Every structure is written in C-alpha cells, then in structure tokens.
Amino acid sequence: MRNHRLILSAAAVVLLGSVASGPTRAGIKCWTNADGVRECGNVVPPEYAQQGHEELSKQGLTVKRTARAKTPEELEAEREAERQQAERERVEQEQLAQDQVLLDTFTTEDDLILARDGKLASIDSRIGHTEQIARQLERELSELEAEAALMERSGKAVPDSVLAEIEATRRQIEENMLFIDERSREKEEIRSKFDADLARYRELKE
C-alpha cells in the first residue's frame, strides 16, 4: 500500500508540473497598437495580427520575432525583382551559349572575316543579277510605252493586251528594285553582326 501511494503521489507531481508549465511555454507576445504604444499579452489582437510582433520568455527575453505582413506593393516589387533576376540569368546563359558557338565555329579572326566576306559576296551576286533583269525590263517597258504612244498619235486605241503588259512590266521592275533594297539592308545587318561577333571574339581570346 505504501508503495502504491508513493506511485500515485509521483504521478500527481508530474501532472501538476505539466499543467503549470503550459502557460509558460506559450510565451508573451508584444506588439505596437494603433497609437504607437507597445502592448503585450498571450495573444496578438486580430487587428494587429498582420503587424510584426515579438515573443518573450518568462524572463522577459526575446525568443522569437515575427515580421509584419508585406503590402501588395512590396510583394509585387519582390515578384518584379525575381522576374528581372530570371531575365538576367536567361540573357547570361544565352550569351554563354553564343560565345561557345562563336569559339567552336571560328578558329581565328581571319576565319570570321572570310565568312563575312563570303556572305556579302553572295548577296552582291544576287543584287547584280537582279539589276541586270531590272535593266532589261526597263528597256522592254520603254519599247512598250513607245509603241502605245505611237498608236495614240495615229489615232488608234491602245489594245488592252499592250496596256496590261505595260502594267505587268512596271510591277516587275518595282519588285526587282524592292528586292535590291532588301538585300542592301541585309548586307548592312550582316556587317553589323560580324562586327559585333569579331569584337566579342577578340574579348574571348584575350
């Protein structure tokens, strides 16, 4: 019986100890109210739940700090910063890939220059061929227009077939001139690209 009573007493002490320690473990929370006054309690009031607060031990030491909830503007600023960082990383990776291709493709600067000159020469050849066609079309147009003018001076009506041929020839000349202009712009783009590639190649080889 004596041993039984000792066991019950020990159990009671453990139970009381656990009950007494419950509120202590919960801690005291402190926050700042709407008037700027510091307040403390077991629970942060709902109206201040989104603000930052501190949790104190029974000795009055800060054991935990909870930051205030971020505003929508702050959250959006963080998301924008993350997007910008992701874009910077994407650009960096893309540049690294381009650099590797540049180094793998060209052994020396001369190789790069030869590649540029080859592309420009190919375009010049196409431009020259188109200019020849355009000159031939202009001669044909002059002949057709002279023929139509002669008919008009003779009091004859210019046949629809002749008028249609004149219009078609004019369109062909315009298309050829447009082609020449586009190829000329392409040459400038190639020069700019190769100039940038050459400058980057020299940086990588330093």
N, C-alpha and C. Protein backbone atom coordinates (compact mmCIF):
# COMPACT_ATOMS: atom_id res chain seq x y z
N MET A 1 0.84 -1.21 0.00
CA MET A 1 0.00 0.00 0.00
C MET A 1 0.87 1.25 0.00
N ARG A 2 1.93 1.19 0.80
CA ARG A 2 2.81 2.37 0.86
C ARG A 2 3.44 2.67 -0.51
N ASN A 3 3.90 1.63 -1.16
CA ASN A 3 4.48 1.81 -2.49
C ASN A 3 3.45 2.35 -3.48
N HIS A 4 2.23 1.89 -3.36
CA HIS A 4 1.16 2.33 -4.26
C HIS A 4 0.90 3.82 -4.09
N ARG A 5 0.91 4.27 -2.77
CA ARG A 5 0.68 5.69 -2.51
C ARG A 5 1.83 6.52 -3.05
N LEU A 6 3.05 6.03 -2.96
CA LEU A 6 4.20 6.76 -3.50
C LEU A 6 4.09 6.95 -5.01
N ILE A 7 3.66 5.88 -5.68
CA ILE A 7 3.50 5.95 -7.13
C ILE A 7 2.45 6.99 -7.51
N LEU A 8 1.31 7.01 -6.80
CA LEU A 8 0.24 7.97 -7.09
C LEU A 8 0.71 9.39 -6.83
N SER A 9 1.48 9.59 -5.77
CA SER A 9 1.99 10.93 -5.45
C SER A 9 2.93 11.43 -6.54
N ALA A 10 3.80 10.54 -7.00
CA ALA A 10 4.74 10.94 -8.08
C ALA A 10 3.99 11.30 -9.34
N ALA A 11 2.95 10.54 -9.67
CA ALA A 11 2.16 10.84 -10.85
C ALA A 11 1.48 12.18 -10.74
N ALA A 12 1.01 12.50 -9.54
CA ALA A 12 0.33 13.77 -9.32
C ALA A 12 1.30 14.93 -9.50
N VAL A 13 2.54 14.76 -8.99
CA VAL A 13 3.54 15.82 -9.14
C VAL A 13 3.85 16.08 -10.61
N VAL A 14 4.02 15.00 -11.40
CA VAL A 14 4.29 15.15 -12.83
C VAL A 14 3.16 15.85 -13.54
N LEU A 15 1.91 15.47 -13.18
CA LEU A 15 0.73 16.09 -13.82
C LEU A 15 0.65 17.56 -13.50
N LEU A 16 0.85 17.91 -12.22
CA LEU A 16 0.78 19.32 -11.83
C LEU A 16 1.89 20.12 -12.51
N GLY A 17 3.06 19.49 -12.62
CA GLY A 17 4.17 20.18 -13.27
C GLY A 17 3.88 20.47 -14.73
N SER A 18 3.26 19.53 -15.43
CA SER A 18 2.96 19.74 -16.84
C SER A 18 1.89 20.79 -17.03
N VAL A 19 0.91 20.85 -16.14
CA VAL A 19 -0.15 21.86 -16.22
C VAL A 19 0.43 23.24 -15.96
N ALA A 20 1.32 23.30 -14.94
CA ALA A 20 1.88 24.60 -14.59
C ALA A 20 2.80 25.14 -15.67
N SER A 21 3.44 24.25 -16.39
CA SER A 21 4.39 24.70 -17.40
C SER A 21 3.72 25.08 -18.71
N GLY A 22 2.46 24.74 -18.91
CA GLY A 22 1.76 25.02 -20.17
C GLY A 22 1.74 26.48 -20.53
N PRO A 23 1.22 27.40 -19.68
CA PRO A 23 1.19 28.82 -20.00
C PRO A 23 2.58 29.40 -20.20
N THR A 24 3.56 28.86 -19.46
CA THR A 24 4.92 29.39 -19.58
C THR A 24 5.48 29.13 -20.97
N ARG A 25 5.20 27.94 -21.51
CA ARG A 25 5.70 27.62 -22.84
C ARG A 25 5.04 28.47 -23.91
N ALA A 26 3.79 28.89 -23.67
CA ALA A 26 3.08 29.69 -24.67
C ALA A 26 3.77 31.02 -24.92
N GLY A 27 4.42 31.61 -23.87
CA GLY A 27 5.15 32.85 -24.01
C GLY A 27 4.24 34.07 -24.04
N ILE A 28 4.89 35.25 -23.97
CA ILE A 28 4.17 36.52 -24.01
C ILE A 28 4.49 37.20 -25.34
N LYS A 29 3.46 37.70 -25.99
CA LYS A 29 3.65 38.37 -27.28
C LYS A 29 3.47 39.86 -27.09
N CYS A 30 4.33 40.65 -27.72
CA CYS A 30 4.28 42.10 -27.62
C CYS A 30 4.17 42.70 -29.01
N TRP A 31 3.35 43.75 -29.13
CA TRP A 31 3.12 44.41 -30.42
C TRP A 31 2.92 45.89 -30.17
N THR A 32 2.80 46.67 -31.22
CA THR A 32 2.56 48.11 -31.12
C THR A 32 1.16 48.41 -31.60
N ASN A 33 0.39 49.11 -30.76
CA ASN A 33 -1.00 49.38 -31.14
C ASN A 33 -1.09 50.57 -32.09
N ALA A 34 -2.33 50.94 -32.41
CA ALA A 34 -2.55 52.00 -33.40
C ALA A 34 -2.03 53.35 -32.94
N ASP A 35 -1.89 53.53 -31.61
CA ASP A 35 -1.38 54.78 -31.07
C ASP A 35 0.13 54.78 -30.91
N GLY A 36 0.76 53.70 -31.35
CA GLY A 36 2.20 53.61 -31.23
C GLY A 36 2.68 53.16 -29.87
N VAL A 37 1.76 52.63 -29.06
CA VAL A 37 2.10 52.17 -27.71
C VAL A 37 2.36 50.67 -27.74
N ARG A 38 3.42 50.25 -27.07
CA ARG A 38 3.75 48.83 -27.00
C ARG A 38 2.82 48.13 -26.03
N GLU A 39 2.22 47.03 -26.47
CA GLU A 39 1.32 46.23 -25.63
C GLU A 39 1.79 44.79 -25.65
N CYS A 40 1.45 44.05 -24.60
CA CYS A 40 1.83 42.65 -24.50
C CYS A 40 0.67 41.81 -24.01
N GLY A 41 0.64 40.56 -24.37
CA GLY A 41 -0.41 39.64 -23.94
C GLY A 41 -0.12 38.25 -24.47
N ASN A 42 -1.01 37.33 -24.13
CA ASN A 42 -0.82 35.95 -24.59
C ASN A 42 -1.14 35.79 -26.07
N VAL A 43 -2.04 36.64 -26.60
CA VAL A 43 -2.48 36.54 -27.99
C VAL A 43 -2.45 37.93 -28.63
N VAL A 44 -1.97 38.02 -29.84
CA VAL A 44 -1.98 39.29 -30.58
C VAL A 44 -3.40 39.55 -31.06
N PRO A 45 -3.98 40.72 -30.77
CA PRO A 45 -5.34 41.03 -31.23
C PRO A 45 -5.44 40.90 -32.75
N PRO A 46 -6.59 40.50 -33.26
CA PRO A 46 -6.75 40.31 -34.71
C PRO A 46 -6.38 41.54 -35.54
N GLU A 47 -6.70 42.75 -35.01
CA GLU A 47 -6.43 43.94 -35.79
C GLU A 47 -4.94 44.22 -35.94
N TYR A 48 -4.10 43.57 -35.12
CA TYR A 48 -2.66 43.76 -35.21
C TYR A 48 -1.95 42.48 -35.67
N ALA A 49 -2.73 41.51 -36.08
CA ALA A 49 -2.14 40.21 -36.45
C ALA A 49 -1.21 40.32 -37.65
N GLN A 50 -1.45 41.29 -38.54
CA GLN A 50 -0.62 41.43 -39.72
C GLN A 50 0.63 42.26 -39.46
N GLN A 51 0.72 42.84 -38.27
CA GLN A 51 1.90 43.61 -37.93
C GLN A 51 2.97 42.70 -37.32
N GLY A 52 4.18 43.22 -37.24
CA GLY A 52 5.23 42.43 -36.62
C GLY A 52 5.06 42.41 -35.10
N HIS A 53 5.52 41.34 -34.49
CA HIS A 53 5.46 41.26 -33.03
C HIS A 53 6.61 40.39 -32.52
N GLU A 54 6.85 40.48 -31.20
CA GLU A 54 7.90 39.69 -30.56
C GLU A 54 7.27 38.75 -29.54
N GLU A 55 7.95 37.64 -29.34
CA GLU A 55 7.51 36.69 -28.31
C GLU A 55 8.61 36.63 -27.25
N LEU A 56 8.20 36.82 -25.97
CA LEU A 56 9.14 36.88 -24.87
C LEU A 56 9.05 35.63 -24.01
N SER A 57 10.20 35.29 -23.42
CA SER A 57 10.21 34.19 -22.45
C SER A 57 9.73 34.72 -21.11
N LYS A 58 9.57 33.83 -20.13
CA LYS A 58 9.10 34.27 -18.81
C LYS A 58 10.14 35.17 -18.12
N GLN A 59 11.40 35.11 -18.62
CA GLN A 59 12.43 36.01 -18.08
C GLN A 59 12.44 37.36 -18.79
N GLY A 60 11.56 37.54 -19.78
CA GLY A 60 11.48 38.81 -20.49
C GLY A 60 12.44 38.92 -21.65
N LEU A 61 13.05 37.83 -22.07
CA LEU A 61 13.97 37.83 -23.21
C LEU A 61 13.23 37.53 -24.51
N THR A 62 13.62 38.20 -25.56
CA THR A 62 13.00 37.96 -26.87
C THR A 62 13.47 36.61 -27.41
N VAL A 63 12.52 35.73 -27.65
CA VAL A 63 12.86 34.40 -28.16
C VAL A 63 12.43 34.23 -29.61
N LYS A 64 11.59 35.11 -30.12
CA LYS A 64 11.11 34.98 -31.49
C LYS A 64 10.61 36.32 -31.98
N ARG A 65 10.91 36.64 -33.22
CA ARG A 65 10.40 37.86 -33.85
C ARG A 65 9.63 37.46 -35.10
N THR A 66 8.43 37.98 -35.24
CA THR A 66 7.61 37.73 -36.42
C THR A 66 7.49 39.03 -37.21
N ALA A 67 7.95 39.02 -38.43
CA ALA A 67 7.90 40.24 -39.25
C ALA A 67 6.46 40.55 -39.65
N ARG A 68 6.22 41.79 -39.92
CA ARG A 68 4.89 42.19 -40.37
C ARG A 68 4.60 41.62 -41.75
N ALA A 69 3.32 41.48 -42.07
CA ALA A 69 2.93 41.00 -43.40
C ALA A 69 3.28 42.07 -44.43
N LYS A 70 3.76 41.64 -45.58
CA LYS A 70 4.15 42.58 -46.62
C LYS A 70 2.93 43.13 -47.34
N THR A 71 3.04 44.38 -47.80
CA THR A 71 1.95 45.02 -48.53
C THR A 71 1.90 44.46 -49.95
N PRO A 72 0.76 44.62 -50.64
CA PRO A 72 0.68 44.18 -52.04
C PRO A 72 1.76 44.82 -52.91
N GLU A 73 2.09 46.09 -52.62
CA GLU A 73 3.12 46.76 -53.40
C GLU A 73 4.50 46.11 -53.17
N GLU A 74 4.77 45.75 -51.93
CA GLU A 74 6.05 45.10 -51.63
C GLU A 74 6.12 43.72 -52.27
N LEU A 75 5.03 42.99 -52.23
CA LEU A 75 5.01 41.67 -52.86
C LEU A 75 5.21 41.76 -54.36
N GLU A 76 4.57 42.77 -54.98
CA GLU A 76 4.73 42.96 -56.42
C GLU A 76 6.17 43.37 -56.75
N ALA A 77 6.77 44.20 -55.88
CA ALA A 77 8.16 44.60 -56.09
C ALA A 77 9.09 43.39 -56.02
N GLU A 78 8.81 42.50 -55.08
CA GLU A 78 9.61 41.27 -54.97
C GLU A 78 9.47 40.40 -56.20
N ARG A 79 8.21 40.26 -56.68
CA ARG A 79 7.99 39.45 -57.89
C ARG A 79 8.70 40.06 -59.09
N GLU A 80 8.66 41.40 -59.18
CA GLU A 80 9.33 42.07 -60.29
C GLU A 80 10.84 41.87 -60.21
N ALA A 81 11.38 41.95 -59.00
CA ALA A 81 12.81 41.72 -58.82
C ALA A 81 13.18 40.29 -59.22
N GLU A 82 12.32 39.35 -58.89
CA GLU A 82 12.58 37.95 -59.27
C GLU A 82 12.52 37.78 -60.78
N ARG A 83 11.55 38.47 -61.42
CA ARG A 83 11.45 38.38 -62.88
C ARG A 83 12.70 38.97 -63.54
N GLN A 84 13.15 40.10 -63.02
CA GLN A 84 14.34 40.74 -63.59
C GLN A 84 15.57 39.85 -63.41
N GLN A 85 15.68 39.24 -62.23
CA GLN A 85 16.81 38.35 -61.99
C GLN A 85 16.77 37.15 -62.93
N ALA A 86 15.57 36.60 -63.12
CA ALA A 86 15.43 35.46 -64.03
C ALA A 86 15.80 35.87 -65.46
N GLU A 87 15.42 37.09 -65.86
CA GLU A 87 15.75 37.57 -67.20
C GLU A 87 17.25 37.77 -67.34
N ARG A 88 17.89 38.31 -66.30
CA ARG A 88 19.35 38.47 -66.36
C ARG A 88 20.05 37.12 -66.49
N GLU A 89 19.56 36.14 -65.76
CA GLU A 89 20.16 34.81 -65.84
C GLU A 89 19.94 34.18 -67.22
N ARG A 90 18.74 34.42 -67.80
CA ARG A 90 18.46 33.89 -69.14
C ARG A 90 19.39 34.52 -70.16
N VAL A 91 19.57 35.84 -70.09
CA VAL A 91 20.44 36.54 -71.03
C VAL A 91 21.88 36.06 -70.87
N GLU A 92 22.30 35.85 -69.62
CA GLU A 92 23.66 35.38 -69.37
C GLU A 92 23.88 33.99 -69.96
N GLN A 93 22.92 33.10 -69.77
CA GLN A 93 23.05 31.77 -70.32
C GLN A 93 23.04 31.79 -71.84
N GLU A 94 22.22 32.66 -72.40
CA GLU A 94 22.15 32.77 -73.86
C GLU A 94 23.48 33.29 -74.41
N GLN A 95 24.07 34.26 -73.70
CA GLN A 95 25.36 34.80 -74.13
C GLN A 95 26.46 33.74 -74.05
N LEU A 96 26.43 32.95 -73.00
CA LEU A 96 27.42 31.88 -72.86
C LEU A 96 27.30 30.87 -74.02
N ALA A 97 26.05 30.55 -74.39
CA ALA A 97 25.85 29.61 -75.50
C ALA A 97 26.34 30.21 -76.81
N GLN A 98 26.06 31.49 -77.04
CA GLN A 98 26.51 32.15 -78.26
C GLN A 98 28.03 32.23 -78.31
N ASP A 99 28.63 32.50 -77.17
CA ASP A 99 30.09 32.56 -77.12
C ASP A 99 30.70 31.21 -77.49
N GLN A 100 30.11 30.16 -76.98
CA GLN A 100 30.64 28.83 -77.27
C GLN A 100 30.53 28.49 -78.76
N VAL A 101 29.40 28.86 -79.35
CA VAL A 101 29.22 28.64 -80.79
C VAL A 101 30.26 29.43 -81.58
N LEU A 102 30.50 30.66 -81.16
CA LEU A 102 31.47 31.51 -81.84
C LEU A 102 32.87 30.90 -81.79
N LEU A 103 33.25 30.41 -80.63
CA LEU A 103 34.57 29.81 -80.48
C LEU A 103 34.69 28.48 -81.21
N ASP A 104 33.58 27.73 -81.23
CA ASP A 104 33.60 26.43 -81.92
C ASP A 104 33.60 26.59 -83.43
N THR A 105 33.03 27.69 -83.93
CA THR A 105 32.87 27.87 -85.38
C THR A 105 34.11 28.46 -86.03
N PHE A 106 34.76 29.40 -85.33
CA PHE A 106 35.89 30.11 -85.94
C PHE A 106 37.17 29.86 -85.13
N THR A 107 38.21 29.44 -85.85
CA THR A 107 39.49 29.18 -85.19
C THR A 107 40.30 30.46 -85.01
N THR A 108 40.21 31.34 -86.01
CA THR A 108 40.94 32.60 -85.97
C THR A 108 40.04 33.74 -86.42
N GLU A 109 40.53 34.98 -86.24
CA GLU A 109 39.78 36.15 -86.72
C GLU A 109 39.63 36.10 -88.23
N ASP A 110 40.65 35.62 -88.90
CA ASP A 110 40.59 35.56 -90.37
C ASP A 110 39.45 34.66 -90.84
N ASP A 111 39.19 33.58 -90.11
CA ASP A 111 38.07 32.71 -90.48
C ASP A 111 36.76 33.47 -90.42
N LEU A 112 36.62 34.28 -89.40
CA LEU A 112 35.39 35.04 -89.22
C LEU A 112 35.23 36.07 -90.34
N ILE A 113 36.33 36.74 -90.67
CA ILE A 113 36.30 37.75 -91.73
C ILE A 113 35.99 37.11 -93.09
N LEU A 114 36.57 35.96 -93.34
CA LEU A 114 36.30 35.25 -94.59
C LEU A 114 34.83 34.85 -94.70
N ALA A 115 34.26 34.41 -93.58
CA ALA A 115 32.84 34.04 -93.58
C ALA A 115 31.97 35.25 -93.88
N ARG A 116 32.32 36.40 -93.28
CA ARG A 116 31.56 37.64 -93.55
C ARG A 116 31.66 38.02 -95.02
N ASP A 117 32.87 38.05 -95.54
CA ASP A 117 33.07 38.46 -96.93
C ASP A 117 32.38 37.50 -97.90
N GLY A 118 32.34 36.21 -97.56
CA GLY A 118 31.65 35.25 -98.41
C GLY A 118 30.16 35.52 -98.49
N LYS A 119 29.55 35.83 -97.35
CA LYS A 119 28.12 36.14 -97.35
C LYS A 119 27.83 37.42 -98.12
N LEU A 120 28.66 38.42 -97.93
CA LEU A 120 28.45 39.69 -98.65
C LEU A 120 28.61 39.50 -100.15
N ALA A 121 29.58 38.69 -100.54
CA ALA A 121 29.79 38.44 -101.97
C ALA A 121 28.61 37.71 -102.58
N SER A 122 28.04 36.77 -101.85
CA SER A 122 26.87 36.05 -102.34
C SER A 122 25.69 36.99 -102.57
N ILE A 123 25.50 37.91 -101.65
CA ILE A 123 24.40 38.87 -101.80
C ILE A 123 24.68 39.82 -102.95
N ASP A 124 25.92 40.25 -103.08
CA ASP A 124 26.28 41.14 -104.20
C ASP A 124 25.99 40.48 -105.54
N SER A 125 26.24 39.19 -105.61
CA SER A 125 25.97 38.46 -106.86
C SER A 125 24.48 38.46 -107.17
N ARG A 126 23.65 38.25 -106.14
CA ARG A 126 22.20 38.26 -106.36
C ARG A 126 21.71 39.65 -106.75
N ILE A 127 22.29 40.66 -106.12
CA ILE A 127 21.91 42.03 -106.46
C ILE A 127 22.28 42.34 -107.91
N GLY A 128 23.50 41.96 -108.30
CA GLY A 128 23.94 42.22 -109.67
C GLY A 128 23.04 41.54 -110.70
N HIS A 129 22.67 40.30 -110.42
CA HIS A 129 21.79 39.57 -111.34
C HIS A 129 20.42 40.25 -111.44
N THR A 130 19.91 40.70 -110.31
CA THR A 130 18.60 41.36 -110.30
C THR A 130 18.66 42.70 -111.03
N GLU A 131 19.76 43.41 -110.88
CA GLU A 131 19.91 44.69 -111.57
C GLU A 131 19.91 44.48 -113.09
N GLN A 132 20.53 43.41 -113.55
CA GLN A 132 20.51 43.11 -114.98
C GLN A 132 19.09 42.87 -115.48
N ILE A 133 18.33 42.09 -114.69
CA ILE A 133 16.94 41.82 -115.06
C ILE A 133 16.14 43.12 -115.09
N ALA A 134 16.38 43.97 -114.07
CA ALA A 134 15.65 45.24 -113.99
C ALA A 134 15.96 46.12 -115.21
N ARG A 135 17.21 46.17 -115.61
CA ARG A 135 17.58 46.99 -116.79
C ARG A 135 16.91 46.46 -118.04
N GLN A 136 16.86 45.14 -118.19
CA GLN A 136 16.19 44.55 -119.35
C GLN A 136 14.70 44.88 -119.35
N LEU A 137 14.09 44.82 -118.18
CA LEU A 137 12.66 45.14 -118.06
C LEU A 137 12.42 46.61 -118.37
N GLU A 138 13.33 47.48 -117.98
CA GLU A 138 13.18 48.91 -118.27
C GLU A 138 13.25 49.16 -119.78
N ARG A 139 14.12 48.44 -120.47
CA ARG A 139 14.19 48.57 -121.93
C ARG A 139 12.88 48.10 -122.57
N GLU A 140 12.37 46.96 -122.07
CA GLU A 140 11.11 46.44 -122.60
C GLU A 140 9.97 47.42 -122.33
N LEU A 141 9.99 48.03 -121.16
CA LEU A 141 8.95 49.00 -120.81
C LEU A 141 9.01 50.20 -121.73
N SER A 142 10.21 50.67 -122.00
CA SER A 142 10.37 51.83 -122.90
C SER A 142 9.82 51.51 -124.28
N GLU A 143 10.09 50.32 -124.75
CA GLU A 143 9.59 49.93 -126.08
C GLU A 143 8.07 49.84 -126.09
N LEU A 144 7.49 49.28 -125.04
CA LEU A 144 6.04 49.15 -124.96
C LEU A 144 5.38 50.53 -124.88
N GLU A 145 5.97 51.41 -124.09
CA GLU A 145 5.40 52.75 -123.95
C GLU A 145 5.53 53.53 -125.26
N ALA A 146 6.63 53.32 -125.94
CA ALA A 146 6.80 53.99 -127.25
C ALA A 146 5.78 53.47 -128.25
N GLU A 147 5.54 52.17 -128.22
CA GLU A 147 4.55 51.57 -129.11
C GLU A 147 3.16 52.11 -128.82
N ALA A 148 2.81 52.22 -127.53
CA ALA A 148 1.50 52.74 -127.14
C ALA A 148 1.35 54.20 -127.55
N ALA A 149 2.42 54.98 -127.38
CA ALA A 149 2.37 56.40 -127.75
C ALA A 149 2.18 56.56 -129.26
N LEU A 150 2.85 55.72 -130.03
CA LEU A 150 2.71 55.78 -131.48
C LEU A 150 1.27 55.47 -131.89
N MET A 151 0.65 54.49 -131.27
CA MET A 151 -0.75 54.17 -131.57
C MET A 151 -1.65 55.35 -131.26
N GLU A 152 -1.39 55.99 -130.13
CA GLU A 152 -2.25 57.12 -129.75
C GLU A 152 -2.09 58.28 -130.74
N ARG A 153 -0.86 58.54 -131.17
CA ARG A 153 -0.64 59.62 -132.13
C ARG A 153 -1.29 59.30 -133.48
N SER A 154 -1.40 58.02 -133.76
CA SER A 154 -2.03 57.60 -135.02
C SER A 154 -3.54 57.56 -134.89
N GLY A 155 -4.05 57.88 -133.74
CA GLY A 155 -5.49 57.87 -133.54
C GLY A 155 -6.05 56.50 -133.27
N LYS A 156 -5.18 55.55 -132.97
CA LYS A 156 -5.65 54.20 -132.69
C LYS A 156 -5.75 53.98 -131.17
N ALA A 157 -6.64 53.14 -130.79
CA ALA A 157 -6.77 52.78 -129.38
C ALA A 157 -5.70 51.77 -129.01
N VAL A 158 -5.09 51.96 -127.87
CA VAL A 158 -4.05 51.02 -127.41
C VAL A 158 -4.75 49.76 -126.92
N PRO A 159 -4.40 48.63 -127.48
CA PRO A 159 -5.05 47.37 -127.08
C PRO A 159 -4.89 47.11 -125.58
N ASP A 160 -5.88 46.46 -125.02
CA ASP A 160 -5.81 46.13 -123.59
C ASP A 160 -4.62 45.22 -123.29
N SER A 161 -4.27 44.37 -124.23
CA SER A 161 -3.14 43.46 -124.00
C SER A 161 -1.84 44.23 -123.84
N VAL A 162 -1.68 45.32 -124.63
CA VAL A 162 -0.47 46.15 -124.52
C VAL A 162 -0.46 46.90 -123.20
N LEU A 163 -1.61 47.45 -122.81
CA LEU A 163 -1.70 48.16 -121.54
C LEU A 163 -1.41 47.22 -120.36
N ALA A 164 -1.94 46.00 -120.44
CA ALA A 164 -1.71 45.02 -119.37
C ALA A 164 -0.24 44.65 -119.29
N GLU A 165 0.41 44.53 -120.46
CA GLU A 165 1.83 44.17 -120.48
C GLU A 165 2.68 45.30 -119.90
N ILE A 166 2.28 46.55 -120.21
CA ILE A 166 3.00 47.71 -119.64
C ILE A 166 2.89 47.70 -118.11
N GLU A 167 1.68 47.45 -117.61
CA GLU A 167 1.46 47.44 -116.15
C GLU A 167 2.23 46.29 -115.49
N ALA A 168 2.22 45.13 -116.11
CA ALA A 168 2.93 43.97 -115.55
C ALA A 168 4.43 44.23 -115.52
N THR A 169 4.94 44.87 -116.56
CA THR A 169 6.37 45.15 -116.61
C THR A 169 6.77 46.15 -115.53
N ARG A 170 5.93 47.15 -115.34
CA ARG A 170 6.20 48.12 -114.27
C ARG A 170 6.23 47.45 -112.89
N ARG A 171 5.29 46.53 -112.65
CA ARG A 171 5.25 45.82 -111.37
C ARG A 171 6.52 44.98 -111.19
N GLN A 172 6.96 44.34 -112.27
CA GLN A 172 8.17 43.51 -112.17
C GLN A 172 9.39 44.37 -111.83
N ILE A 173 9.46 45.54 -112.45
CA ILE A 173 10.58 46.45 -112.15
C ILE A 173 10.54 46.87 -110.69
N GLU A 174 9.34 47.21 -110.18
CA GLU A 174 9.20 47.61 -108.78
C GLU A 174 9.61 46.48 -107.83
N GLU A 175 9.19 45.26 -108.17
CA GLU A 175 9.54 44.11 -107.34
C GLU A 175 11.04 43.88 -107.32
N ASN A 176 11.67 44.05 -108.47
CA ASN A 176 13.12 43.87 -108.53
C ASN A 176 13.85 44.95 -107.74
N MET A 177 13.39 46.17 -107.81
CA MET A 177 14.02 47.25 -107.05
C MET A 177 13.82 47.04 -105.56
N LEU A 178 12.64 46.54 -105.19
CA LEU A 178 12.39 46.24 -103.78
C LEU A 178 13.33 45.13 -103.29
N PHE A 179 13.52 44.13 -104.12
CA PHE A 179 14.44 43.04 -103.78
C PHE A 179 15.86 43.57 -103.57
N ILE A 180 16.28 44.47 -104.43
CA ILE A 180 17.63 45.05 -104.31
C ILE A 180 17.76 45.83 -103.01
N ASP A 181 16.72 46.61 -102.66
CA ASP A 181 16.75 47.38 -101.41
C ASP A 181 16.83 46.44 -100.20
N GLU A 182 16.06 45.35 -100.22
CA GLU A 182 16.06 44.41 -99.10
C GLU A 182 17.42 43.74 -98.94
N ARG A 183 18.03 43.38 -100.07
CA ARG A 183 19.34 42.73 -100.00
C ARG A 183 20.40 43.73 -99.52
N SER A 184 20.25 44.98 -99.88
CA SER A 184 21.20 46.00 -99.41
C SER A 184 21.11 46.16 -97.90
N ARG A 185 19.87 46.15 -97.37
CA ARG A 185 19.70 46.23 -95.91
C ARG A 185 20.26 44.98 -95.24
N GLU A 186 20.09 43.83 -95.91
CA GLU A 186 20.62 42.58 -95.37
C GLU A 186 22.14 42.65 -95.26
N LYS A 187 22.79 43.26 -96.24
CA LYS A 187 24.24 43.41 -96.20
C LYS A 187 24.67 44.24 -94.98
N GLU A 188 23.94 45.30 -94.71
CA GLU A 188 24.28 46.14 -93.56
C GLU A 188 24.09 45.36 -92.25
N GLU A 189 23.05 44.56 -92.18
CA GLU A 189 22.82 43.75 -90.98
C GLU A 189 23.94 42.73 -90.78
N ILE A 190 24.39 42.14 -91.88
CA ILE A 190 25.48 41.16 -91.80
C ILE A 190 26.76 41.84 -91.32
N ARG A 191 27.05 43.02 -91.87
CA ARG A 191 28.24 43.74 -91.44
C ARG A 191 28.18 44.05 -89.94
N SER A 192 27.02 44.52 -89.49
CA SER A 192 26.87 44.87 -88.07
C SER A 192 27.04 43.64 -87.19
N LYS A 193 26.43 42.53 -87.61
CA LYS A 193 26.52 41.31 -86.81
C LYS A 193 27.95 40.80 -86.74
N PHE A 194 28.63 40.79 -87.87
CA PHE A 194 30.00 40.28 -87.88
C PHE A 194 30.95 41.22 -87.14
N ASP A 195 30.67 42.52 -87.20
CA ASP A 195 31.49 43.46 -86.43
C ASP A 195 31.36 43.16 -84.93
N ALA A 196 30.11 42.92 -84.48
CA ALA A 196 29.88 42.59 -83.08
C ALA A 196 30.51 41.25 -82.72
N ASP A 197 30.37 40.28 -83.62
CA ASP A 197 30.97 38.96 -83.37
C ASP A 197 32.49 39.06 -83.30
N LEU A 198 33.06 39.86 -84.16
CA LEU A 198 34.51 40.00 -84.18
C LEU A 198 35.01 40.65 -82.88
N ALA A 199 34.30 41.68 -82.44
CA ALA A 199 34.68 42.34 -81.19
C ALA A 199 34.55 41.37 -80.01
N ARG A 200 33.47 40.60 -79.98
CA ARG A 200 33.28 39.63 -78.91
C ARG A 200 34.33 38.52 -78.98
N TYR A 201 34.66 38.10 -80.17
CA TYR A 201 35.67 37.05 -80.36
C TYR A 201 37.02 37.50 -79.80
N ARG A 202 37.35 38.75 -80.06
CA ARG A 202 38.62 39.28 -79.53
C ARG A 202 38.61 39.34 -78.02
N GLU A 203 37.46 39.68 -77.42
CA GLU A 203 37.36 39.69 -75.96
C GLU A 203 37.56 38.28 -75.38
N LEU A 204 36.95 37.31 -76.02
CA LEU A 204 37.03 35.94 -75.51
C LEU A 204 38.45 35.37 -75.66
N LYS A 205 39.18 35.85 -76.66
CA LYS A 205 40.51 35.33 -76.91
C LYS A 205 41.60 36.06 -76.10
N GLU A 206 41.22 37.15 -75.44
CA GLU A 206 42.22 37.90 -74.65
C GLU A 206 42.68 37.08 -73.45
